[in-house]
Amino acid sequence: MMTSANTFEKNQKLMVKAVKKKDQKACSQALEGMSEALLSYRTAGGLLGADGGGNIPSVDEIRRSACRVQGRSFDKRREDKYGQI
């Protein structure tokens, strides 16, 4: 869990730097790193599902939200990366 927390912090710092530079690609990469670290943290801590997690958005929901803000389609990006949905 500590590794995930440290990875999240590292990507959060990268995100702040990218926002200051207005670099959308770096922001997107940092956000993806943060979401993956958060998923690992939640999985290790048993914070997924109705019993442990409550109403915490999933990694996919976070990514979709970020894509909507940037005017991109998350499903299209995921389809390009992984193939058929």
Protein backbone atom coordinates (compact mmCIF):
# COMPACT_ATOMS: atom_id res chain seq x y z
CA MET A 1 0.00 0.00 0.00
CA MET A 2 2.88 2.36 0.74
CA THR A 3 4.30 1.83 -2.75
CA SER A 4 0.95 2.76 -4.27
CA ALA A 5 0.68 5.82 -2.04
CA ASN A 6 4.19 6.94 -3.01
CA THR A 7 3.45 6.38 -6.70
CA PHE A 8 0.26 8.42 -6.35
CA GLU A 9 2.17 11.28 -4.68
CA LYS A 10 4.86 11.21 -7.36
CA ASN A 11 2.29 11.40 -10.14
CA GLN A 12 0.40 14.12 -8.31
CA LYS A 13 3.55 16.26 -8.25
CA LEU A 14 4.07 15.56 -11.96
CA MET A 15 0.47 16.62 -12.57
CA VAL A 16 0.99 19.93 -10.78
CA LYS A 17 4.09 20.63 -12.88
CA ALA A 18 2.27 19.67 -16.09
CA VAL A 19 -0.68 21.92 -15.24
CA LYS A 20 1.66 24.85 -14.68
CA LYS A 21 3.25 24.17 -18.09
CA LYS A 22 -0.23 23.58 -19.63
CA ASP A 23 0.98 20.27 -21.07
CA GLN A 24 -2.13 18.17 -21.73
CA LYS A 25 -0.25 15.00 -22.64
CA ALA A 26 1.83 15.07 -19.44
CA CYS A 27 -1.33 15.80 -17.40
CA SER A 28 -3.07 12.83 -18.95
CA GLN A 29 -0.11 10.55 -18.23
CA ALA A 30 0.11 11.77 -14.65
CA LEU A 31 -3.63 11.29 -14.17
CA GLU A 32 -3.41 7.76 -15.53
CA GLY A 33 -0.53 6.99 -13.15
CA MET A 34 -2.54 8.41 -10.26
CA SER A 35 -5.60 6.35 -11.14
CA GLU A 36 -3.60 3.12 -11.46
CA ALA A 37 -1.87 3.76 -8.12
CA LEU A 38 -5.23 4.51 -6.53
CA LEU A 39 -6.69 1.26 -7.86
CA SER A 40 -3.71 -0.70 -6.49
CA TYR A 41 -4.11 1.04 -3.12
CA ARG A 42 -7.84 0.30 -2.98
CA THR A 43 -7.30 -3.33 -3.98
CA ALA A 44 -4.56 -3.87 -1.38
CA GLY A 45 -6.62 -2.20 1.33
CA GLY A 46 -9.85 -3.97 0.48
CA LEU A 47 -11.54 -0.67 -0.30
CA LEU A 48 -13.44 -1.85 -3.36
CA GLY A 49 -17.11 -2.71 -3.49
CA ALA A 50 -20.13 -1.64 -1.51
CA ASP A 51 -18.85 -2.99 1.82
CA GLY A 52 -15.46 -1.33 1.80
CA GLY A 53 -15.55 1.45 -0.71
CA GLY A 54 -18.88 3.11 -0.40
CA ASN A 55 -19.41 5.58 -3.23
CA ILE A 56 -15.82 5.92 -4.49
CA PRO A 57 -15.57 6.37 -8.28
CA SER A 58 -13.80 3.65 -10.22
CA VAL A 59 -10.61 4.23 -12.19
CA ASP A 60 -12.60 4.10 -15.43
CA GLU A 61 -15.02 6.74 -14.12
CA ILE A 62 -12.09 9.00 -13.19
CA ARG A 63 -10.56 8.54 -16.64
CA ARG A 64 -13.87 9.18 -18.41
CA SER A 65 -14.33 12.34 -16.38
CA ALA A 66 -10.84 13.56 -17.26
CA CYS A 67 -11.44 12.82 -20.95
CA ARG A 68 -14.74 14.72 -20.91
CA VAL A 69 -12.97 17.76 -19.46
CA GLN A 70 -10.30 17.54 -22.17
CA GLY A 71 -12.87 16.96 -24.92
CA ARG A 72 -11.69 13.43 -25.70
CA SER A 73 -13.44 10.08 -25.71
CA PHE A 74 -12.12 7.60 -23.15
CA ASP A 75 -13.79 4.61 -24.80
CA LYS A 76 -12.14 5.45 -28.14
CA ARG A 77 -8.72 5.69 -26.46
CA ARG A 78 -9.25 2.41 -24.61
CA GLU A 79 -10.43 0.72 -27.78
CA ASP A 80 -7.32 1.93 -29.63
CA LYS A 81 -5.07 0.70 -26.83
CA TYR A 82 -6.68 -2.66 -26.00
CA GLY A 83 -8.76 -3.54 -29.03
CA GLN A 84 -12.46 -4.27 -29.01
CA ILE A 85 -14.41 -3.15 -25.93
